[in-house]
Protein backbone atom coordinates (compact mmCIF):
# COMPACT_ATOMS: atom_id res chain seq x y z
CA MET A 1 -58.46 -38.73 -32.45
CA ASN A 2 -60.47 -36.77 -29.84
CA ARG A 3 -61.02 -33.16 -30.87
CA ASN A 4 -61.81 -30.14 -28.78
CA TYR A 5 -64.85 -28.45 -30.33
CA ASP A 6 -65.05 -25.47 -27.97
CA TRP A 7 -63.76 -23.15 -30.72
CA LEU A 8 -66.84 -23.95 -32.83
CA VAL A 9 -69.18 -22.28 -30.35
CA LYS A 10 -66.94 -19.31 -29.59
CA LYS A 11 -67.00 -16.36 -32.00
CA THR A 12 -64.33 -13.65 -31.97
CA PRO A 13 -64.58 -10.29 -33.79
CA ARG A 14 -61.90 -9.82 -36.44
CA SER A 15 -61.22 -6.97 -38.88
CA VAL A 16 -62.38 -7.83 -42.40
CA ASP A 17 -59.45 -5.91 -43.88
CA GLN A 18 -56.96 -7.95 -41.85
CA LEU A 19 -58.33 -11.37 -42.76
CA LYS A 20 -56.20 -13.17 -45.36
CA LEU A 21 -57.73 -15.27 -48.14
CA TRP A 22 -56.79 -18.90 -48.62
CA PRO A 23 -54.93 -19.44 -51.94
CA GLU A 24 -55.49 -23.22 -51.86
CA ASN A 25 -59.27 -22.91 -51.81
CA PRO A 26 -60.59 -25.62 -54.18
CA ARG A 27 -62.99 -23.07 -55.71
CA LEU A 28 -59.96 -21.36 -57.29
CA ASN A 29 -58.13 -22.25 -60.48
CA PRO A 30 -55.09 -24.19 -59.21
CA GLU A 31 -53.10 -23.19 -62.30
CA GLU A 32 -53.21 -19.49 -61.45
CA THR A 33 -51.50 -17.45 -58.76
CA HIS A 34 -53.72 -15.44 -56.43
CA LEU A 35 -51.94 -12.54 -54.81
CA THR A 36 -54.50 -9.72 -54.87
CA LEU A 37 -58.15 -9.36 -53.93
CA LYS A 38 -58.91 -8.65 -57.58
CA GLU A 39 -57.42 -11.99 -58.65
CA TYR A 40 -59.49 -13.90 -56.07
CA ALA A 41 -62.69 -12.12 -57.13
CA GLU A 42 -61.97 -12.66 -60.83
CA ASP A 43 -61.62 -16.40 -60.32
CA LEU A 44 -64.84 -16.69 -58.33
CA THR A 45 -66.89 -14.76 -60.90
CA ILE A 46 -65.51 -15.91 -64.25
CA ASP A 47 -68.31 -18.44 -64.66
CA LYS A 48 -71.74 -16.95 -65.32
CA GLY A 49 -73.52 -19.13 -62.75
CA GLU A 50 -70.93 -18.43 -60.09
CA LYS A 51 -71.08 -14.70 -60.86
CA ASN A 52 -74.86 -14.68 -60.39
CA ASP A 53 -74.52 -16.52 -57.07
CA PHE A 54 -71.86 -14.06 -55.95
CA PHE A 55 -74.07 -11.11 -56.92
CA ALA A 56 -76.90 -12.64 -54.88
CA LEU A 57 -74.56 -12.93 -51.89
CA VAL A 58 -73.49 -9.27 -52.22
CA ASN A 59 -77.10 -8.11 -52.52
CA SER A 60 -78.07 -10.08 -49.40
CA ILE A 61 -75.28 -8.40 -47.39
CA VAL A 62 -76.41 -4.99 -48.63
CA ALA A 63 -80.04 -5.73 -47.76
CA ASP A 64 -79.62 -7.54 -44.43
CA GLY A 65 -76.07 -6.82 -43.31
CA PHE A 66 -73.63 -9.61 -42.58
CA VAL A 67 -75.56 -12.47 -40.97
CA PRO A 68 -73.18 -14.70 -38.94
CA ALA A 69 -75.44 -17.76 -39.11
CA ASP A 70 -72.87 -19.86 -40.94
CA PRO A 71 -69.40 -19.87 -39.34
CA VAL A 72 -66.49 -18.07 -40.94
CA VAL A 73 -63.64 -20.33 -39.90
CA VAL A 74 -60.11 -18.95 -39.69
CA TRP A 75 -56.78 -20.18 -38.40
CA GLN A 76 -53.63 -18.33 -37.42
CA ASN A 77 -50.43 -18.88 -39.33
CA LYS A 78 -47.80 -19.40 -36.64
CA LYS A 79 -45.03 -17.85 -38.74
CA ASN A 80 -46.56 -14.51 -39.72
CA LYS A 81 -49.33 -14.39 -37.08
CA LYS A 82 -51.91 -13.59 -39.78
CA TYR A 83 -55.41 -15.06 -39.76
CA TYR A 84 -56.41 -16.99 -42.90
CA VAL A 85 -59.94 -17.88 -43.96
CA ALA A 86 -60.52 -21.62 -44.33
CA GLU A 87 -64.31 -21.47 -44.64
CA GLY A 88 -66.23 -18.42 -45.82
CA ASN A 89 -63.84 -17.05 -48.47
CA ARG A 90 -66.70 -15.96 -50.77
CA ARG A 91 -68.36 -14.01 -47.96
CA VAL A 92 -65.10 -12.36 -46.91
CA ILE A 93 -64.30 -11.43 -50.53
CA ALA A 94 -67.77 -9.87 -50.86
CA LEU A 95 -67.22 -7.86 -47.67
CA LYS A 96 -63.75 -6.72 -48.74
CA LEU A 97 -65.03 -5.57 -52.15
CA LEU A 98 -67.95 -3.69 -50.61
CA ARG A 99 -65.44 -1.87 -48.42
CA GLU A 100 -63.06 -1.13 -51.31
CA PRO A 101 -64.91 -1.28 -54.68
CA LYS A 102 -61.84 0.02 -56.53
CA LYS A 103 -60.20 -3.37 -55.95
CA SER A 104 -62.95 -5.17 -57.88
CA PRO A 105 -62.25 -6.75 -61.28
CA LYS A 106 -63.34 -4.52 -64.16
CA SER A 107 -66.03 -7.01 -65.14
CA ILE A 108 -67.98 -6.50 -61.87
CA ARG A 109 -66.70 -3.14 -60.62
CA SER A 110 -69.78 -1.22 -61.71
CA PHE A 111 -72.05 -3.64 -59.81
CA ILE A 112 -69.87 -3.53 -56.68
CA ARG A 113 -69.72 0.29 -56.71
CA LYS A 114 -73.50 0.56 -56.83
CA ALA A 115 -73.92 -2.06 -54.10
CA SER A 116 -71.31 -0.37 -51.88
CA SER A 117 -73.10 2.97 -52.16
CA LYS A 118 -76.17 1.38 -50.54
CA ILE A 119 -74.48 0.13 -47.36
CA ASN A 120 -72.75 1.80 -44.44
CA ILE A 121 -69.33 0.13 -44.68
CA THR A 122 -68.60 0.77 -41.01
CA THR A 123 -71.21 -1.89 -40.21
CA ILE A 124 -69.04 -4.51 -41.94
CA GLU A 125 -65.69 -3.37 -40.56
CA LYS A 126 -65.51 -6.38 -38.22
CA ILE A 127 -67.25 -9.75 -38.33
CA PRO A 128 -67.46 -12.61 -35.80
CA VAL A 129 -65.29 -15.59 -36.77
CA ASN A 130 -64.52 -19.01 -35.33
CA VAL A 131 -60.78 -19.34 -34.73
CA ALA A 132 -59.63 -22.93 -35.27
CA PRO A 133 -56.72 -24.03 -33.04
CA SER A 134 -54.78 -25.19 -36.13
CA PHE A 135 -55.14 -25.62 -39.86
CA GLU A 136 -55.79 -29.33 -39.29
CA ASP A 137 -58.87 -28.41 -37.23
CA ALA A 138 -59.99 -25.97 -39.93
CA GLU A 139 -59.41 -28.70 -42.50
CA TRP A 140 -61.57 -31.07 -40.47
CA TYR A 141 -64.40 -28.52 -40.40
CA ILE A 142 -64.20 -27.99 -44.17
CA ASN A 143 -64.89 -31.67 -44.70
CA GLN A 144 -67.66 -31.81 -42.10
CA ARG A 145 -69.54 -28.80 -43.46
CA ASN A 146 -72.87 -29.56 -45.06
CA SER A 147 -74.80 -26.32 -45.12
CA SER A 148 -78.30 -26.02 -46.58
CA SER A 149 -78.00 -22.23 -46.88
CA THR A 150 -78.93 -20.89 -50.30
CA LEU A 151 -76.28 -18.19 -50.03
CA GLN A 152 -73.48 -20.59 -49.19
CA ARG A 153 -72.42 -22.33 -52.36
CA ARG A 154 -71.40 -25.94 -51.86
CA TRP A 155 -68.35 -27.31 -53.60
CA SER A 156 -69.03 -28.75 -57.00
CA ARG A 157 -68.09 -32.35 -57.71
CA VAL A 158 -64.94 -31.16 -59.48
CA GLN A 159 -63.97 -28.93 -56.55
CA GLN A 160 -64.44 -31.82 -54.14
CA GLN A 161 -62.34 -34.06 -56.36
CA ARG A 162 -59.57 -31.49 -56.50
CA TRP A 163 -59.65 -31.20 -52.70
CA ILE A 164 -59.24 -34.98 -52.36
CA VAL A 165 -56.21 -34.92 -54.66
CA THR A 166 -54.73 -32.04 -52.62
CA LEU A 167 -55.10 -34.15 -49.47
CA TYR A 168 -53.68 -37.20 -51.26
CA GLN A 169 -50.56 -35.24 -52.22
CA LYS A 170 -50.26 -33.53 -48.84
CA HIS A 171 -50.44 -36.79 -46.91
CA ASN A 172 -48.22 -38.71 -49.38
CA GLY A 173 -50.96 -41.11 -50.42
CA ASP A 174 -51.85 -42.11 -46.85
CA LEU A 175 -55.42 -43.25 -47.52
CA ASP A 176 -56.12 -43.91 -43.85
CA ARG A 177 -55.33 -40.28 -43.03
CA ILE A 178 -57.51 -39.03 -45.89
CA LEU A 179 -60.32 -41.33 -44.80
CA SER A 180 -60.20 -39.92 -41.27
CA VAL A 181 -60.35 -36.33 -42.57
CA THR A 182 -62.98 -36.68 -45.30
CA LYS A 183 -65.18 -39.46 -43.92
CA LEU A 184 -65.42 -40.83 -47.47
CA THR A 185 -65.01 -44.52 -48.18
CA LYS A 186 -61.82 -45.95 -49.61
CA SER A 187 -63.58 -46.85 -52.87
CA GLU A 188 -64.91 -43.28 -53.22
CA ILE A 189 -61.43 -41.81 -52.80
CA GLU A 190 -59.89 -44.32 -55.20
CA GLY A 191 -62.60 -43.57 -57.76
CA ILE A 192 -61.95 -39.82 -57.58
CA ILE A 193 -58.19 -40.20 -58.05
CA ARG A 194 -58.61 -42.67 -60.93
CA THR A 195 -61.00 -40.32 -62.72
CA LEU A 196 -58.51 -37.47 -62.42
CA LYS A 197 -55.78 -39.73 -63.81
CA ILE A 198 -57.99 -40.48 -66.82
CA LYS A 199 -58.62 -36.76 -67.31
CA ASP A 200 -54.85 -36.21 -67.33
CA PHE A 201 -54.60 -38.32 -70.49
CA VAL A 202 -55.36 -35.07 -72.34
CA LYS A 203 -51.81 -33.90 -71.48
CA LEU A 204 -50.22 -36.80 -73.39
CA ASP A 205 -48.80 -35.75 -76.77
CA ILE A 206 -50.78 -38.46 -78.58
CA VAL A 207 -54.00 -36.77 -77.39
CA LYS A 208 -52.90 -33.14 -77.16
CA ASP A 209 -51.49 -33.08 -80.72
CA ASN A 210 -54.90 -34.10 -82.09
CA LEU A 211 -56.82 -31.38 -80.27
CA SER A 212 -57.04 -27.80 -81.41
CA THR A 213 -55.49 -25.19 -79.13
CA GLU A 214 -58.93 -24.13 -77.93
CA GLU A 215 -60.05 -27.74 -77.36
CA PHE A 216 -56.94 -28.53 -75.31
CA GLU A 217 -57.37 -25.42 -73.18
CA LEU A 218 -60.96 -26.43 -72.41
CA ALA A 219 -60.01 -30.05 -71.74
CA ASP A 220 -57.05 -29.16 -69.51
CA SER A 221 -58.99 -26.49 -67.63
CA TYR A 222 -59.96 -27.05 -64.01
CA ARG A 223 -63.51 -26.22 -65.16
CA PHE A 224 -63.66 -29.26 -67.48
CA PRO A 225 -66.86 -31.25 -66.66
CA ILE A 226 -65.01 -34.17 -65.15
CA THR A 227 -68.28 -35.69 -63.94
CA VAL A 228 -69.01 -36.57 -67.59
CA LEU A 229 -65.84 -38.67 -67.73
CA GLU A 230 -66.71 -40.16 -64.35
CA ARG A 231 -70.11 -41.19 -65.69
CA PHE A 232 -68.75 -42.55 -68.99
CA PHE A 233 -66.08 -44.75 -67.42
CA SER A 234 -68.41 -45.99 -64.70
CA PHE A 235 -70.02 -48.38 -67.21
CA ALA A 236 -68.62 -51.92 -67.29
CA ASP A 237 -69.20 -52.03 -71.07
CA VAL A 238 -66.89 -49.04 -71.56
CA LYS A 239 -64.12 -50.57 -69.48
CA GLU A 240 -64.49 -53.88 -71.38
CA LYS A 241 -64.68 -52.46 -74.93
CA TRP A 242 -62.00 -49.84 -74.35
CA GLY A 243 -59.65 -52.09 -72.40
CA ILE A 244 -59.51 -50.19 -69.11
CA GLU A 245 -58.58 -52.00 -65.90
CA TYR A 246 -58.33 -50.55 -62.39
CA ASP A 247 -55.73 -51.71 -59.91
CA GLY A 248 -56.25 -49.74 -56.72
CA LEU A 249 -55.36 -46.17 -57.72
CA ASP A 250 -53.77 -47.21 -61.02
CA VAL A 251 -55.48 -47.05 -64.42
CA ASN A 252 -54.13 -49.67 -66.85
CA ILE A 253 -54.82 -49.78 -70.60
CA ILE A 254 -54.81 -53.37 -71.91
CA SER A 255 -56.03 -52.51 -75.42
CA ASN A 256 -53.99 -51.09 -78.29
CA GLU A 257 -52.91 -47.71 -76.91
CA ASP A 258 -53.00 -45.86 -80.24
CA SER A 259 -56.60 -46.88 -80.85
CA PHE A 260 -57.56 -46.19 -77.23
CA TYR A 261 -56.17 -42.66 -77.32
CA ALA A 262 -57.80 -42.03 -80.72
CA SER A 263 -61.20 -42.87 -79.22
CA PHE A 264 -60.43 -40.93 -76.05
CA THR A 265 -59.46 -37.87 -78.11
CA GLU A 266 -62.75 -37.99 -80.01
CA LEU A 267 -64.63 -38.35 -76.70
CA ILE A 268 -62.87 -35.26 -75.31
CA LYS A 269 -63.66 -33.29 -78.48
CA ARG A 270 -67.36 -34.08 -78.14
CA ILE A 271 -67.40 -33.16 -74.46
CA VAL A 272 -65.69 -29.76 -74.83
CA ASN A 273 -67.50 -28.86 -78.07
CA LYS A 274 -70.81 -30.20 -76.73
CA ASP A 275 -71.34 -32.00 -80.03
CA ASP A 276 -73.21 -35.01 -78.63
CA ASP A 277 -76.29 -34.48 -76.50
CA LYS A 278 -76.03 -38.03 -75.14
CA ILE A 279 -72.50 -37.71 -73.73
CA ASN A 280 -73.23 -35.96 -70.45
CA THR A 281 -73.74 -36.74 -66.77
CA ARG A 282 -77.13 -38.28 -67.60
CA LEU A 283 -75.74 -40.83 -70.07
CA ARG A 284 -78.06 -43.84 -69.98
CA LYS A 285 -77.08 -47.47 -70.38
CA GLU A 286 -79.60 -47.88 -73.20
CA ASP A 287 -77.82 -45.11 -75.15
CA LEU A 288 -74.34 -46.42 -74.44
CA GLU A 289 -74.10 -48.83 -77.40
CA GLU A 290 -75.04 -46.08 -79.85
CA VAL A 291 -72.45 -43.74 -78.31
CA LEU A 292 -69.68 -46.37 -78.42
CA ASP A 293 -70.51 -47.25 -82.03
CA SER A 294 -70.23 -43.59 -82.99
CA LEU A 295 -66.70 -43.32 -81.54
CA PRO A 296 -63.56 -44.82 -83.18
CA THR A 297 -63.21 -48.52 -82.45
CA VAL A 298 -60.71 -49.57 -79.81
CA ILE A 299 -58.79 -52.67 -80.89
CA PHE A 300 -56.91 -55.31 -78.92
CA ALA A 301 -53.84 -57.43 -79.70
CA SER A 302 -56.08 -60.31 -80.80
CA ASP A 303 -57.82 -58.01 -83.29
CA GLN A 304 -54.44 -57.08 -84.82
CA VAL A 305 -53.50 -60.75 -85.26
CA GLU A 306 -56.81 -61.44 -87.03
CA GLU A 307 -56.35 -58.36 -89.23
CA LYS A 308 -52.82 -59.52 -90.16
CA ASP A 309 -54.10 -62.99 -91.01
CA ASP A 310 -56.80 -61.45 -93.22
CA LYS A 311 -54.20 -59.41 -95.11
CA VAL A 312 -52.01 -62.49 -95.66
CA GLU A 313 -55.00 -64.41 -96.95
CA GLU A 314 -55.95 -61.52 -99.27
CA LYS A 315 -52.39 -61.40 -100.63
CA ILE A 316 -52.44 -65.13 -101.38
CA ILE A 317 -55.75 -64.77 -103.25
CA ASN A 318 -54.42 -61.86 -105.31
CA ASN A 319 -51.26 -63.80 -106.16
CA ASP A 320 -53.41 -66.69 -107.31
CA LYS A 321 -55.36 -64.37 -109.58
CA SER A 322 -52.18 -62.90 -111.09
CA THR A 323 -50.85 -66.35 -111.98
CA ASN A 324 -54.10 -67.21 -113.74
CA GLY A 325 -53.79 -64.79 -116.61
CA ALA A 326 -53.64 -61.37 -114.98
CA ASP A 327 -51.10 -58.84 -116.28
CA THR A 328 -48.15 -58.89 -113.92
CA SER A 329 -45.70 -57.02 -116.11
CA GLY A 330 -46.02 -53.86 -114.11
CA GLY A 331 -46.77 -51.88 -117.27
CA SER A 332 -48.96 -48.82 -117.57
CA THR A 333 -52.62 -49.20 -116.72
CA GLY A 334 -53.55 -46.42 -119.06
CA GLU A 335 -53.84 -43.90 -116.21
CA GLU A 336 -51.18 -41.22 -116.17
CA THR A 337 -49.74 -40.38 -112.75
CA GLU A 338 -48.56 -36.93 -111.95
CA ASP A 339 -45.91 -36.01 -109.42
CA LYS A 340 -47.43 -33.47 -107.07
CA PRO A 341 -45.14 -31.12 -105.15
CA GLU A 342 -45.20 -31.64 -101.40
CA PRO A 343 -47.08 -28.86 -99.64
CA GLY A 344 -44.81 -26.27 -98.08
CA PRO A 345 -45.01 -25.21 -94.46
CA GLU A 346 -48.04 -23.19 -93.51
CA PRO A 347 -47.37 -19.52 -92.83
CA ILE A 348 -46.75 -18.64 -89.20
CA ASN A 349 -49.80 -16.48 -88.59
CA HIS A 350 -50.39 -16.93 -84.91
CA LEU A 351 -47.48 -15.01 -83.40
CA LYS A 352 -47.83 -11.89 -81.30
CA ASP A 353 -47.29 -8.60 -83.15
CA ASN A 354 -47.02 -10.41 -86.49
CA PRO A 355 -48.45 -7.87 -88.99
CA ASP A 356 -49.15 -10.68 -91.48
CA ARG A 357 -51.32 -12.78 -89.17
CA THR A 358 -54.64 -13.76 -90.70
CA LYS A 359 -56.78 -13.00 -87.63
CA MET A 360 -56.64 -9.66 -85.87
CA VAL A 361 -57.13 -11.11 -82.36
CA LEU A 362 -55.16 -14.20 -81.38
CA LYS A 363 -56.88 -17.14 -79.73
CA ILE A 364 -54.56 -16.85 -76.73
CA TYR A 365 -56.61 -13.90 -75.44
CA SER A 366 -59.90 -13.95 -73.60
CA LEU A 367 -62.22 -11.15 -72.51
CA ASN A 368 -64.09 -11.23 -69.22
CA THR A 369 -67.09 -8.92 -69.45
CA ASP A 370 -70.84 -8.85 -68.90
CA SER A 371 -71.34 -6.96 -72.17
CA TYR A 372 -72.84 -9.29 -74.76
CA ARG A 373 -71.80 -7.13 -77.72
CA LEU A 374 -68.24 -6.57 -76.54
CA LEU A 375 -67.71 -10.26 -75.91
CA GLY A 376 -69.38 -11.17 -79.20
CA LEU A 377 -67.19 -8.82 -81.24
CA PHE A 378 -64.02 -9.91 -79.43
CA ASN A 379 -64.67 -13.61 -80.07
CA GLU A 380 -65.65 -12.96 -83.69
CA PHE A 381 -62.37 -11.08 -84.22
CA LYS A 382 -60.64 -14.35 -83.23
CA ARG A 383 -62.55 -16.28 -85.91
CA ILE A 384 -63.04 -13.93 -88.85
CA SER A 385 -60.36 -13.68 -91.51
CA LEU A 386 -58.81 -10.32 -92.32
CA GLY A 387 -59.82 -11.04 -95.88
CA TYR A 388 -63.11 -9.52 -94.75
CA LYS A 389 -61.35 -6.21 -94.21
CA ASN A 390 -64.44 -4.00 -94.46
CA ILE A 391 -66.26 -5.94 -91.76
CA VAL A 392 -63.21 -6.07 -89.48
CA SER A 393 -62.33 -2.39 -89.84
CA SER A 394 -65.83 -1.04 -89.22
CA SER A 395 -66.27 -3.46 -86.30
CA LEU A 396 -62.99 -2.20 -84.79
CA ARG A 397 -64.46 1.31 -84.65
CA VAL A 398 -67.56 -0.05 -82.89
CA PHE A 399 -65.39 -2.05 -80.47
CA VAL A 400 -63.51 1.08 -79.41
CA ASP A 401 -66.78 2.90 -78.72
CA LEU A 402 -68.18 0.00 -76.68
CA ALA A 403 -64.92 -0.42 -74.74
CA VAL A 404 -64.83 3.25 -73.74
CA PHE A 405 -68.49 3.18 -72.70
CA LYS A 406 -67.92 0.02 -70.61
CA TYR A 407 -64.94 1.66 -68.88
CA ILE A 408 -67.04 4.73 -68.04
CA GLU A 409 -69.74 2.46 -66.61
CA THR A 410 -67.21 0.33 -64.68
CA GLU A 411 -65.57 3.39 -63.14
CA GLY A 412 -68.96 4.84 -62.25
CA ILE A 413 -68.24 8.21 -63.88
CA GLU A 414 -71.37 8.56 -66.06
CA SER A 415 -72.71 11.45 -63.97
CA ASP A 416 -69.25 13.09 -63.88
CA LEU A 417 -69.15 13.26 -67.69
CA SER A 418 -72.73 14.52 -67.85
CA ARG A 419 -71.94 17.33 -65.40
CA PHE A 420 -68.68 18.21 -67.13
CA TYR A 421 -70.21 18.48 -70.61
CA ARG A 422 -73.66 19.52 -69.34
CA ASP A 423 -75.36 16.92 -71.46
CA ASP A 424 -76.74 13.40 -71.24
CA LEU A 425 -74.06 10.72 -71.66
CA ARG A 426 -75.68 9.28 -74.79
CA ASN A 427 -75.26 12.68 -76.50
CA ILE A 428 -71.54 12.97 -75.70
CA PRO A 429 -69.49 11.78 -78.71
CA LEU A 430 -66.58 9.35 -78.46
CA LYS A 431 -63.98 12.10 -78.94
CA LYS A 432 -65.16 13.99 -75.85
CA ARG A 433 -65.41 10.78 -73.82
CA LEU A 434 -61.81 9.98 -74.73
CA GLU A 435 -60.67 13.51 -73.86
CA TYR A 436 -62.31 13.24 -70.43
CA ILE A 437 -60.85 9.86 -69.44
CA LYS A 438 -57.42 10.89 -70.83
CA THR A 439 -57.35 13.94 -68.56
CA ASN A 440 -59.07 12.53 -65.48
CA LYS A 441 -58.56 8.75 -65.34
CA LEU A 442 -55.66 7.46 -67.44
CA ALA A 443 -51.89 7.64 -67.01
CA GLY A 444 -48.78 6.27 -68.70
CA LYS A 445 -49.03 4.37 -71.96
CA PRO A 446 -52.85 4.24 -72.15
CA GLN A 447 -52.95 8.03 -71.76
CA ASN A 448 -50.38 8.41 -74.57
CA ILE A 449 -52.41 6.11 -76.83
CA VAL A 450 -55.52 8.23 -76.36
CA GLY A 451 -53.40 11.30 -77.08
CA ARG A 452 -52.40 9.85 -80.45
CA LEU A 453 -55.98 8.79 -81.13
CA LEU A 454 -57.07 12.39 -80.69
CA ASP A 455 -54.29 13.69 -82.98
CA PRO A 456 -55.71 13.95 -86.53
CA THR A 457 -52.18 13.80 -88.02
CA SER A 458 -51.52 10.35 -86.51
CA GLN A 459 -52.03 7.30 -88.71
CA TYR A 460 -53.68 5.65 -85.68
CA SER A 461 -56.20 8.41 -85.12
CA LEU A 462 -59.87 8.59 -84.31
CA ASP A 463 -60.33 10.16 -87.75
CA VAL A 464 -59.03 6.98 -89.38
CA LEU A 465 -61.32 4.88 -87.16
CA ASN A 466 -64.29 7.02 -88.17
CA GLY A 467 -63.17 6.71 -91.79
CA PHE A 468 -63.66 2.95 -91.57
CA ILE A 469 -67.38 3.72 -91.40
CA HIS A 470 -67.88 7.08 -93.11
CA SER A 471 -65.01 7.42 -95.62
CA GLN A 472 -64.47 6.00 -99.11
CA ASP A 473 -60.69 5.66 -98.57
CA THR A 474 -59.26 2.17 -98.96
CA HIS A 475 -55.54 2.65 -98.29
CA TYR A 476 -55.97 1.89 -94.58
CA LEU A 477 -57.78 -1.39 -95.21
CA ASN A 478 -54.89 -3.77 -95.80
CA ARG A 479 -54.23 -6.62 -93.39
CA GLN A 480 -50.92 -5.29 -92.09
CA PHE A 481 -52.42 -1.93 -91.13
CA LEU A 482 -55.45 -3.39 -89.38
CA ASN A 483 -53.20 -5.70 -87.35
CA SER A 484 -50.87 -2.85 -86.44
CA PHE A 485 -53.84 -0.64 -85.44
CA TRP A 486 -55.11 -3.36 -83.10
CA ASP A 487 -51.63 -3.86 -81.63
CA PHE A 488 -51.37 -0.09 -81.09
CA LEU A 489 -54.73 -0.02 -79.28
CA PHE A 490 -54.20 -3.22 -77.29
CA PRO A 491 -52.55 -1.67 -74.17
CA LEU A 492 -55.48 0.77 -74.00
CA PHE A 493 -57.97 -2.09 -74.27
CA GLN A 494 -56.14 -3.87 -71.44
CA GLU A 495 -56.65 -0.78 -69.30
CA LEU A 496 -60.31 -0.30 -70.26
CA LEU A 497 -61.35 -3.95 -70.19
CA ASP A 498 -60.51 -7.23 -68.47
CA ILE A 499 -58.45 -8.96 -71.17
CA ARG A 500 -56.36 -11.97 -70.20
CA GLU A 501 -53.73 -14.01 -71.96
CA ILE A 502 -54.53 -17.70 -71.68
């Protein structure tokens, strides 16, 4: 196919605000919907390394302006006539946030506000872009791109693999078409798709049921280090001892499936929990035998026949012994047996709003923040039992204080509070901070929650929170009350912080 490359050397100014982001960008979590600028930015900064790279990109734009050295490639959707960004989404997101900091995720809003205050946003109102004649041309460029720029983050191996699978589905498995677009070899494409099929074993009930909820979420995540699996199953010894055979794009298991999935489950556990320092992308052949020996043994049909023969032989030997004078009457051996009642069902303690749950914060929630103490407390709430009621209650009071302070920092209103109360922020108590944000920043349910917090007659009051630290009262320390206090505060926390339900 002969392409016209004239569009690659022609740059056209386009309004940053009018450029649309590409929801199928492989950098994004494919399991989430991206409708707002905030959702795009959240996804690109949820990982610490990616956040640091994004911050470096923002700082470079603030320091040097937008440098059009690397093309921003867009194409026009013929139906709605809008221009979508195929290449350069991170740069466009950075520009959009600098122009409208209020649309930033809470976790980075403070940083974006400060950066935006240092740049004249009129200088980044329009940027030069390369307009591809069609999405297919933009798609071609995406695969040709090989930038050495330190500010342009290349796709990770996982992101590249996901892009290949997207093309595979889009072109209905037409490998020739994918080969022409990606310039990869057929064996490379087949290897990527097979590895992703192996990763998808985690979704099978036989594997999923033997993983904890947290382990499954990590294993099923698009951020799972799939290159570790790719490395592990690249060894011929693994394929031989685990009974894996490749047939084009298909992955066939010729060993006993129960034993295979038992070993695979243990492998996944070690990868997501980082329990084995040898199981990584640098796994060496000389360490492979030790790793395989440490995992459950995978058996084959021939092994089962031998095991059955051994059991038959053992039974014959035992029968021989019993006929040579052993007691076969079935009488008592002198050891009393006791009928033990079957254990009853475990209490349902993981449901939303259940006042009897054993942990105040459910594992289905995650907090995205750059505050070490906030994140630490939040994650410890998910692990610590409410049997430790004194620790949980006093920590809840601290969490409220930290959450309010983080909100003030995120909204960039530190100086506003200082001017209002004519004092340094660190000298302004929590009550006054709450009064200020209730009057000037909050609305709806969060505002009503703060109103009740400030009412000393309310059972969910700031006085009760302070009593967790300063009072001798114990009647507010039972599990049901602590759970209900958290549930009462939760909508406020969702407003102050970036809390997500997984």
